[in-house]
Protein backbone atom coordinates (compact mmCIF):
# COMPACT_ATOMS: atom_id res chain seq x y z
CA MET A 1 37.43 16.81 126.46
CA ASP A 2 35.10 18.30 123.68
CA LEU A 3 37.24 21.11 123.17
CA PHE A 4 40.35 18.63 123.12
CA PHE A 5 38.52 16.56 120.47
CA PHE A 6 37.28 19.42 118.38
CA PHE A 7 41.26 21.04 117.89
CA LYS A 8 42.17 17.61 117.13
CA LYS A 9 39.84 16.99 114.51
CA PHE A 10 40.96 20.53 113.48
CA LYS A 11 44.63 19.98 113.30
CA THR A 12 43.78 16.71 111.15
CA ILE A 13 41.79 18.79 108.20
CA LYS A 14 43.82 18.37 104.97
CA ILE A 15 44.20 22.68 103.63
CA THR A 16 43.24 22.21 99.67
CA ILE A 17 45.31 24.26 97.20
CA TYR A 18 42.27 26.12 96.61
CA ASN A 19 42.01 27.32 100.48
CA LYS A 20 45.75 28.41 100.30
CA ILE A 21 44.82 30.27 96.85
CA PHE A 22 41.44 31.97 98.54
CA ALA A 23 43.46 33.08 101.50
CA VAL A 24 46.09 34.59 99.76
CA LEU A 25 43.16 36.72 97.68
CA ILE A 26 41.29 37.30 101.12
CA GLY A 27 44.46 38.97 102.37
CA TYR A 28 44.76 41.05 99.16
CA ILE A 29 41.28 42.49 99.28
CA PHE A 30 41.12 42.95 102.98
CA LEU A 31 44.64 44.07 104.30
CA PRO A 32 44.59 47.29 101.97
CA ILE A 33 41.10 48.33 103.92
CA ILE A 34 43.56 48.47 107.32
CA ILE A 35 46.17 50.17 105.29
CA SER A 36 43.88 52.73 103.84
CA ILE A 37 42.48 54.21 107.15
CA PRO A 38 45.51 56.58 107.73
CA PHE A 39 44.43 58.18 104.51
CA ALA A 40 40.72 58.18 105.34
CA ILE A 41 41.51 59.77 108.80
CA ASN A 42 44.24 62.33 107.63
CA LEU A 43 42.73 63.36 104.43
CA SER A 44 38.98 64.53 104.81
CA ASN A 45 39.33 65.96 100.91
CA VAL A 46 40.04 62.31 99.32
CA SER A 47 37.06 59.70 99.07
CA LEU A 48 37.30 56.57 100.26
CA ILE A 49 37.53 54.85 97.01
CA ASN A 50 40.94 56.99 96.55
CA CYS A 51 42.26 55.55 99.81
CA TYR A 52 41.19 52.22 98.89
CA PHE A 53 42.83 52.37 95.50
CA GLU A 54 46.33 53.85 97.06
CA ALA A 55 46.17 51.26 99.60
CA ILE A 56 46.03 48.39 96.89
CA SER A 57 48.21 50.15 94.42
CA GLY A 58 51.24 50.21 97.61
CA PHE A 59 50.31 46.58 98.58
CA THR A 60 50.71 45.23 95.42
CA SER A 61 53.70 47.23 94.90
CA THR A 62 52.31 48.94 91.91
CA GLY A 63 52.83 52.15 92.67
CA PHE A 64 49.84 54.00 90.90
CA THR A 65 48.56 56.87 93.16
CA VAL A 66 45.90 59.07 93.51
CA PHE A 67 48.28 62.20 94.93
CA ASP A 68 49.21 64.38 92.48
CA ASN A 69 51.56 66.36 94.69
CA VAL A 70 53.35 64.15 97.10
CA LYS A 71 54.85 67.55 98.69
CA HIS A 72 51.50 68.15 100.17
CA LEU A 73 51.29 64.88 102.06
CA ASP A 74 52.16 64.88 105.88
CA GLU A 75 55.87 63.08 106.15
CA SER A 76 54.23 60.24 108.18
CA LEU A 77 51.73 59.13 105.61
CA ILE A 78 54.45 59.44 102.84
CA ILE A 79 56.12 56.76 105.38
CA TRP A 80 53.10 54.69 105.56
CA ARG A 81 52.56 54.64 101.71
CA SER A 82 56.27 53.19 101.51
CA THR A 83 55.51 50.93 104.45
CA SER A 84 52.53 49.25 102.68
CA GLN A 85 54.55 48.43 99.68
CA TRP A 86 57.25 47.16 102.06
CA ILE A 87 54.46 44.78 103.97
CA GLY A 88 53.07 43.82 100.14
CA GLY A 89 56.44 42.68 98.81
CA LEU A 90 57.03 40.53 102.00
CA TYR A 91 52.93 38.96 102.00
CA PHE A 92 53.97 38.31 98.01
CA LEU A 93 56.82 36.51 99.21
CA PHE A 94 55.07 34.57 101.86
CA SER A 95 52.25 33.39 99.52
CA ILE A 96 54.70 31.78 96.70
CA ILE A 97 55.94 29.59 100.04
CA LEU A 98 52.34 29.01 100.61
CA LEU A 99 51.47 28.39 97.24
CA ILE A 100 54.75 26.75 96.39
CA ASP A 101 52.85 23.10 95.26
CA ILE A 102 51.48 25.26 92.17
CA PHE A 103 55.10 26.12 90.73
CA ASP A 104 57.48 23.76 89.28
CA ASN A 105 60.08 21.62 90.81
CA ASN A 106 62.72 24.05 89.47
CA LEU A 107 61.72 26.62 91.68
CA LYS A 108 61.41 24.19 94.69
CA ASN A 109 65.18 23.17 94.21
CA SER A 110 66.34 26.88 94.41
CA LEU A 111 65.29 26.74 97.69
CA THR A 112 65.53 23.11 99.51
CA ASN A 113 66.67 19.86 98.74
CA PHE A 114 63.11 18.46 100.28
CA ILE A 115 60.93 17.22 97.98
CA SER A 116 57.98 18.77 99.21
CA PHE A 117 57.15 21.35 101.69
CA ASN A 118 55.90 19.99 104.96
CA THR A 119 54.71 22.41 107.63
CA SER A 120 58.27 23.03 109.64
CA GLU A 121 59.93 23.47 106.11
CA THR A 122 57.42 26.13 105.37
CA PHE A 123 57.94 28.09 108.63
CA LYS A 124 61.91 27.69 108.08
CA GLN A 125 61.64 29.24 104.74
CA THR A 126 59.22 32.07 106.04
CA ALA A 127 61.53 32.91 108.57
CA LYS A 128 64.40 32.93 106.10
CA ILE A 129 62.75 35.31 104.08
CA LEU A 130 61.33 37.59 106.74
CA ILE A 131 65.47 37.95 107.63
CA LEU A 132 66.93 38.05 104.32
CA TYR A 133 64.00 40.61 103.17
CA THR A 134 64.93 43.01 106.34
CA SER A 135 68.35 42.72 106.40
CA LEU A 136 68.71 43.95 102.65
CA THR A 137 66.34 46.44 102.99
CA ILE A 138 68.54 47.75 105.93
CA PHE A 139 71.40 47.34 103.83
CA ILE A 140 69.70 49.38 100.54
CA PHE A 141 69.09 52.22 103.47
CA LEU A 142 72.75 52.31 104.40
CA ILE A 143 74.11 52.65 101.07
CA LEU A 144 71.47 55.11 100.13
CA ASN A 145 72.43 57.23 103.19
CA LEU A 146 76.05 57.00 101.80
CA ILE A 147 75.61 59.12 98.64
CA ASN A 148 74.47 61.94 100.44
CA LEU A 149 70.39 61.35 100.58
CA ARG A 150 68.53 62.70 103.35
CA THR A 151 67.64 59.73 105.84
CA PHE A 152 63.47 60.47 105.28
CA ASP A 153 64.01 59.84 101.71
CA SER A 154 66.81 57.02 102.16
CA LEU A 155 64.04 54.76 104.49
CA ASN A 156 61.48 55.36 101.60
CA LEU A 157 63.39 54.81 98.75
CA ALA A 158 64.64 51.57 100.43
CA MET A 159 61.07 50.22 100.83
CA THR A 160 60.32 51.29 97.42
CA ILE A 161 63.39 49.01 95.79
CA ILE A 162 63.53 45.50 97.83
CA SER A 163 59.28 45.68 97.42
CA SER A 164 59.85 46.78 93.55
CA GLY A 165 57.21 49.01 94.50
CA GLY A 166 56.42 52.43 92.79
CA PHE A 167 56.13 55.07 95.69
CA LEU A 168 58.20 57.95 95.55
CA PRO A 169 58.63 60.25 98.51
CA VAL A 170 58.97 63.41 95.74
CA ASN A 171 57.35 64.32 92.97
CA LYS A 172 60.11 63.49 90.40
CA ILE A 173 63.21 60.82 91.19
CA ASP A 174 65.25 63.58 89.33
CA ILE A 175 64.89 65.70 92.54
CA ILE A 176 67.04 63.56 94.95
CA LEU A 177 69.39 61.45 92.22
CA ASN A 178 71.02 64.69 90.64
CA ASN A 179 74.11 63.35 89.53
CA GLN A 180 75.28 60.26 87.57
CA ILE A 181 76.91 58.81 90.56
CA SER A 182 73.62 58.64 92.64
CA GLN A 183 71.66 57.72 89.70
CA THR A 184 74.22 54.76 89.09
CA ILE A 185 74.37 53.36 92.19
CA PHE A 186 70.49 53.60 92.72
CA SER A 187 70.47 51.66 89.33
CA ILE A 188 72.19 48.70 90.82
CA LEU A 189 70.49 48.84 94.21
CA MET A 190 67.00 48.04 92.09
CA LEU A 191 68.58 44.71 90.90
CA PHE A 192 67.97 43.40 94.62
CA SER A 193 64.20 43.35 93.07
CA PHE A 194 65.14 41.47 89.91
CA PHE A 195 67.43 38.55 91.18
CA SER A 196 66.42 36.13 93.69
CA LEU A 197 66.37 37.15 97.19
CA PHE A 198 68.15 34.00 98.41
CA LEU A 199 70.59 34.68 96.19
CA ILE A 200 73.44 36.29 98.66
CA TYR A 201 72.48 34.03 101.11
CA ASN A 202 72.94 31.08 99.06
CA LEU A 203 76.32 32.71 97.92
CA ILE A 204 77.47 33.07 101.59
CA PHE A 205 76.03 30.27 103.85
CA LEU A 206 75.59 27.47 101.31
CA LYS A 207 78.57 24.73 102.25
CA LYS A 208 78.38 22.83 99.45
CA LYS A 209 77.57 24.50 96.05
CA ASN A 210 74.67 23.19 94.41
CA ILE A 211 74.25 24.50 90.83
CA ASN A 212 70.43 24.51 91.04
CA PHE A 213 70.45 26.99 93.67
CA PHE A 214 72.03 29.48 91.19
CA SER A 215 71.09 28.40 88.14
CA GLU A 216 67.85 31.10 87.36
CA ASP A 217 70.43 34.08 89.02
CA PHE A 218 73.33 32.91 86.23
CA HIS A 219 70.49 33.03 83.36
CA LEU A 220 69.43 36.77 84.84
CA LEU A 221 73.03 37.54 84.82
CA ILE A 222 73.66 36.84 81.07
CA TYR A 223 70.44 38.25 80.28
CA LEU A 224 71.07 41.58 82.03
CA ILE A 225 74.59 41.63 80.35
CA LEU A 226 73.30 41.35 76.85
CA LEU A 227 70.85 43.91 77.27
CA ILE A 228 73.33 46.21 78.84
CA ILE A 229 75.22 45.75 75.57
CA VAL A 230 72.68 46.17 73.10
CA PHE A 231 71.40 49.32 75.16
CA PHE A 232 74.70 50.84 74.82
CA VAL A 233 75.37 49.92 71.46
CA PHE A 234 72.14 50.80 69.62
CA PHE A 235 70.49 53.22 72.01
CA ASN A 236 73.20 55.47 73.47
CA PHE A 237 74.05 57.78 70.69
CA ASP A 238 72.69 61.19 71.96
CA TYR A 239 71.50 60.37 75.32
CA ASN A 240 73.62 59.99 78.82
CA PHE A 241 73.49 56.11 79.13
CA SER A 242 73.01 56.43 82.84
CA ILE A 243 69.66 57.36 82.10
CA ILE A 244 69.08 54.62 79.85
CA PHE A 245 70.62 52.45 82.51
CA PHE A 246 68.28 53.48 85.16
CA SER A 247 65.23 53.14 83.11
CA LEU A 248 66.36 49.68 81.69
CA VAL A 249 66.94 48.17 85.12
CA SER A 250 63.57 49.82 86.44
CA SER A 251 61.92 47.76 83.86
CA ILE A 252 63.24 44.64 84.15
CA SER A 253 62.82 44.67 87.94
CA ASN A 254 59.17 45.74 87.41
CA ILE A 255 60.00 48.99 89.55
CA GLY A 256 58.93 51.27 86.62
CA ILE A 257 60.18 54.53 87.95
CA SER A 258 62.19 56.79 85.88
CA LEU A 259 64.51 59.92 85.32
CA SER A 260 63.20 62.78 82.74
CA GLY A 261 65.24 62.87 79.41
CA VAL A 262 64.22 59.00 78.75
CA PRO A 263 63.92 58.76 75.02
CA ASP A 264 60.04 58.46 73.90
CA ASN A 265 60.69 55.93 71.20
CA LEU A 266 61.93 53.36 73.60
CA TYR A 267 58.52 52.76 75.33
CA PHE A 268 57.94 49.71 73.29
CA ILE A 269 60.99 47.96 74.39
CA PHE A 270 60.83 49.16 78.17
CA LEU A 271 57.18 47.37 78.16
CA ILE A 272 58.51 43.90 76.48
CA LEU A 273 61.29 44.20 79.30
CA VAL A 274 58.32 44.64 81.95
CA ILE A 275 56.43 41.77 80.83
CA ILE A 276 59.64 39.23 80.80
CA GLY A 277 60.29 40.34 84.69
CA GLY A 278 62.90 38.89 86.59
CA SER A 279 63.69 35.64 89.30
CA PHE A 280 60.73 33.50 90.74
CA PHE A 281 61.57 34.58 93.73
CA SER A 282 62.00 37.93 93.87
CA THR A 283 59.48 40.77 94.35
CA SER A 284 59.39 41.74 90.89
CA SER A 285 56.51 40.46 88.76
CA GLY A 286 56.54 39.31 84.82
CA ILE A 287 55.84 36.35 83.23
CA ARG A 288 59.39 35.65 84.41
CA PHE A 289 62.61 35.08 82.39
CA LEU A 290 63.22 31.56 83.01
CA LYS A 291 59.73 30.21 81.75
CA ILE A 292 60.14 32.56 78.41
CA TYR A 293 63.55 30.73 78.14
CA ALA A 294 62.26 27.20 78.60
CA LEU A 295 59.33 28.15 76.29
CA ILE A 296 61.90 29.25 73.37
CA LYS A 297 64.27 25.96 73.96
CA PHE A 298 61.31 23.22 73.66
CA SER A 299 59.78 25.35 70.98
CA ILE A 300 63.14 25.16 69.02
CA ASN A 301 64.11 21.59 69.99
CA GLU A 302 60.58 20.40 68.65
CA LEU A 303 61.46 22.57 65.29
CA LEU A 304 64.99 20.66 65.16
CA SER A 305 63.48 17.26 65.75
CA HIS A 306 61.29 17.49 62.72
CA THR A 307 64.23 18.26 60.51
CA ARG A 308 66.83 16.29 62.22
CA PRO A 309 64.39 13.39 63.52
CA LYS A 310 67.57 10.78 64.16
CA HIS A 311 68.82 13.22 66.52
CA ILE A 312 67.65 13.44 70.01
CA TYR A 313 66.96 17.00 71.71
CA ILE A 314 66.92 17.13 75.55
CA ASN A 315 64.77 19.90 77.02
CA LYS A 316 67.17 20.74 79.70
CA ILE A 317 68.25 24.26 81.60
CA ALA A 318 71.89 25.08 80.60
CA PHE A 319 73.79 25.21 83.88
CA SER A 320 71.84 22.89 85.58
CA ASP A 321 71.39 18.84 85.67
CA LYS A 322 67.75 19.40 86.12
CA LEU A 323 64.93 18.50 82.72
CA ILE A 324 62.51 20.73 82.01
CA GLU A 325 59.67 18.37 82.80
CA GLN A 326 56.62 18.69 80.31
CA SER A 327 54.00 19.26 83.16
CA ASP A 328 56.36 22.62 83.95
CA LEU A 329 56.11 23.37 80.14
CA TYR A 330 52.42 23.56 80.08
CA LYS A 331 52.19 25.56 83.18
CA TYR A 332 54.57 28.30 81.48
CA PHE A 333 52.51 28.16 78.22
CA LEU A 334 49.21 28.44 80.31
CA SER A 335 50.72 31.79 82.15
CA ILE A 336 51.46 33.29 78.99
CA ILE A 337 47.51 32.23 77.87
CA VAL A 338 46.28 33.76 80.38
CA PHE A 339 48.31 37.01 80.81
CA ILE A 340 47.12 37.49 77.42
CA LEU A 341 43.54 36.92 77.97
CA SER A 342 44.01 39.25 80.92
CA LEU A 343 45.37 41.86 79.15
CA PHE A 344 42.57 41.83 76.40
CA ILE A 345 40.12 42.14 79.25
CA VAL A 346 41.34 44.99 81.45
CA SER A 347 42.64 46.82 78.18
CA SER A 348 38.92 46.79 76.40
CA LEU A 349 37.27 47.51 79.98
CA LEU A 350 39.42 50.61 80.01
CA THR A 351 38.65 51.66 76.28
CA ILE A 352 35.29 51.16 76.76
CA SER A 353 35.00 53.82 79.69
CA GLY A 354 36.55 56.13 77.77
CA ILE A 355 40.59 55.69 77.84
CA ASN A 356 42.46 55.72 74.06
CA PHE A 357 43.10 52.21 72.93
CA GLU A 358 46.90 52.74 73.09
CA SER A 359 47.01 54.03 77.01
CA SER A 360 44.71 51.10 77.88
CA PHE A 361 47.17 48.64 76.42
CA LYS A 362 50.09 49.95 77.87
CA LEU A 363 48.06 50.58 81.29
CA GLY A 364 46.82 46.91 81.18
CA ILE A 365 50.65 45.79 80.79
CA LEU A 366 51.58 47.69 84.29
CA THR A 367 48.40 46.75 85.78
CA LEU A 368 49.26 43.26 85.37
CA MET A 369 52.86 43.48 85.95
CA ASN A 370 52.77 45.77 89.25
CA THR A 371 54.87 48.31 87.15
CA VAL A 372 54.33 52.13 87.94
CA ASN A 373 53.33 54.62 85.07
CA SER A 374 56.14 57.15 84.42
CA SER A 375 57.45 59.19 81.69
CA MET A 376 59.31 56.42 79.57
CA TYR A 377 56.01 54.46 79.16
CA ASN A 378 54.67 57.64 78.27
CA LEU A 379 52.03 57.70 80.88
CA ASP A 380 53.34 59.91 83.58
CA THR A 381 50.02 62.50 82.93
CA LEU A 382 47.65 59.96 83.51
CA ASN A 383 45.28 61.25 86.64
CA PHE A 384 43.76 58.37 88.90
CA SER A 385 42.07 60.47 91.13
CA GLU A 386 40.12 61.43 88.36
CA MET A 387 39.32 58.33 86.86
CA ASN A 388 35.79 57.11 87.16
CA TYR A 389 34.50 54.41 90.01
CA PHE A 390 34.51 51.92 87.01
CA ASN A 391 38.02 52.15 85.95
CA LYS A 392 39.50 52.35 89.34
CA THR A 393 37.78 49.09 90.08
CA THR A 394 38.85 47.19 87.10
CA LEU A 395 42.26 48.46 87.71
CA MET A 396 42.33 47.57 91.28
CA VAL A 397 40.96 43.94 90.33
CA PHE A 398 43.86 43.15 87.78
CA MET A 399 46.59 44.62 90.34
CA ILE A 400 45.79 41.79 92.72
CA ILE A 401 45.21 39.35 89.53
CA GLY A 402 48.62 40.52 88.65
CA ARG A 403 50.06 39.74 92.26
CA VAL A 404 48.48 36.51 92.94
CA GLU A 405 50.43 35.16 89.67
CA LEU A 406 48.31 34.17 86.31
CA LEU A 407 48.45 30.71 87.42
CA THR A 408 46.56 30.73 90.20
CA ILE A 409 43.98 32.39 88.41
CA LEU A 410 43.67 29.60 86.10
CA ILE A 411 43.17 27.13 89.00
CA ILE A 412 40.45 29.40 90.45
CA CYS A 413 38.70 28.93 86.97
CA LYS A 414 39.30 25.44 86.83
CA LYS A 415 37.87 24.72 90.38
CA PHE A 416 34.40 26.52 89.44
CA LEU A 417 34.13 25.50 85.62
CA PHE A 418 34.95 21.79 86.03
CA LYS A 419 33.76 19.18 88.65
CA ASN A 420 36.99 17.11 88.27
């Protein structure tokens, strides 16, 4: 009888948003310990902190690696590295559902018409994510097989693409993608990490097409088309456009891998694209395009309201019937502030510990945006295995901070700094 009352009381306990955030954070800290075990058992010459660093990098879908030569790894460990990304990407999507109350109403509207997420709706959306995530992984795997990649490489790359990760089964992607056709198809497949996970599902299964379910993806499509036009017109004079297109898609998807021959003078533009990111409900990171779009539109409307006070300017997202709420704009603005502060802190810590400022700044952006260092950012020569403990710890902390969404960090700070 006492046991019955205990479970009844436990069931009625209200789980706060702080409990949910801590639960997500604990997962990002302790699950990589399990992931690091095969590295520690099979690689006696790799330190425990390097094993944990590799696990954190994989689970957060970042892609920083302590292994200089992937060919020296057993194929089972290479598969394990890629699987850690796949699991991490799924965990990230589950965490968005768990923390849905933090985000704006437009994000909820892209999933369901329900006002709030009760337990049954949460489980329903979680099951939908699992099915879609697995199905898209299989689809990408099959397409990669069709372009004559060996099954082992296709499996690893499929898990890398869908999770927006950066681990590769080889040292350089050029070894696998050695022609323009395979490079272009791979670039298109990377867009699965850019658009919403629910896009294809909504297009096929929604009986009553609601524009709110497609608003963000429509904006992202326009954004992508404009980027392709700009890069083709202004940055395609002396270079193969398939390489430029590959780097462009890899950056906006926060994957970060690149082919050889990317022009060095475009790294700043690619970093800007990394910061902007993709869809709310994709595995990509970034501040998110729709947030930046909403803030720019709000700022323009505010300026116009001063020059033309008699006119009424409505903060409404184009191609949608939903208004941009003031509270959501505050959240967007705070996300940018937290990103700037986080970037300043991580860059300062890396600079103090011996890394030059330019590399620290670029590495700070990639760490917070969970994007792998590659030649298009001029950071491919970084050796993470030789970094000191302080640098590795700093990167691991900020890889997690970047993955749990920057707004949650502000909520945690509020919990400890303010009583009410």
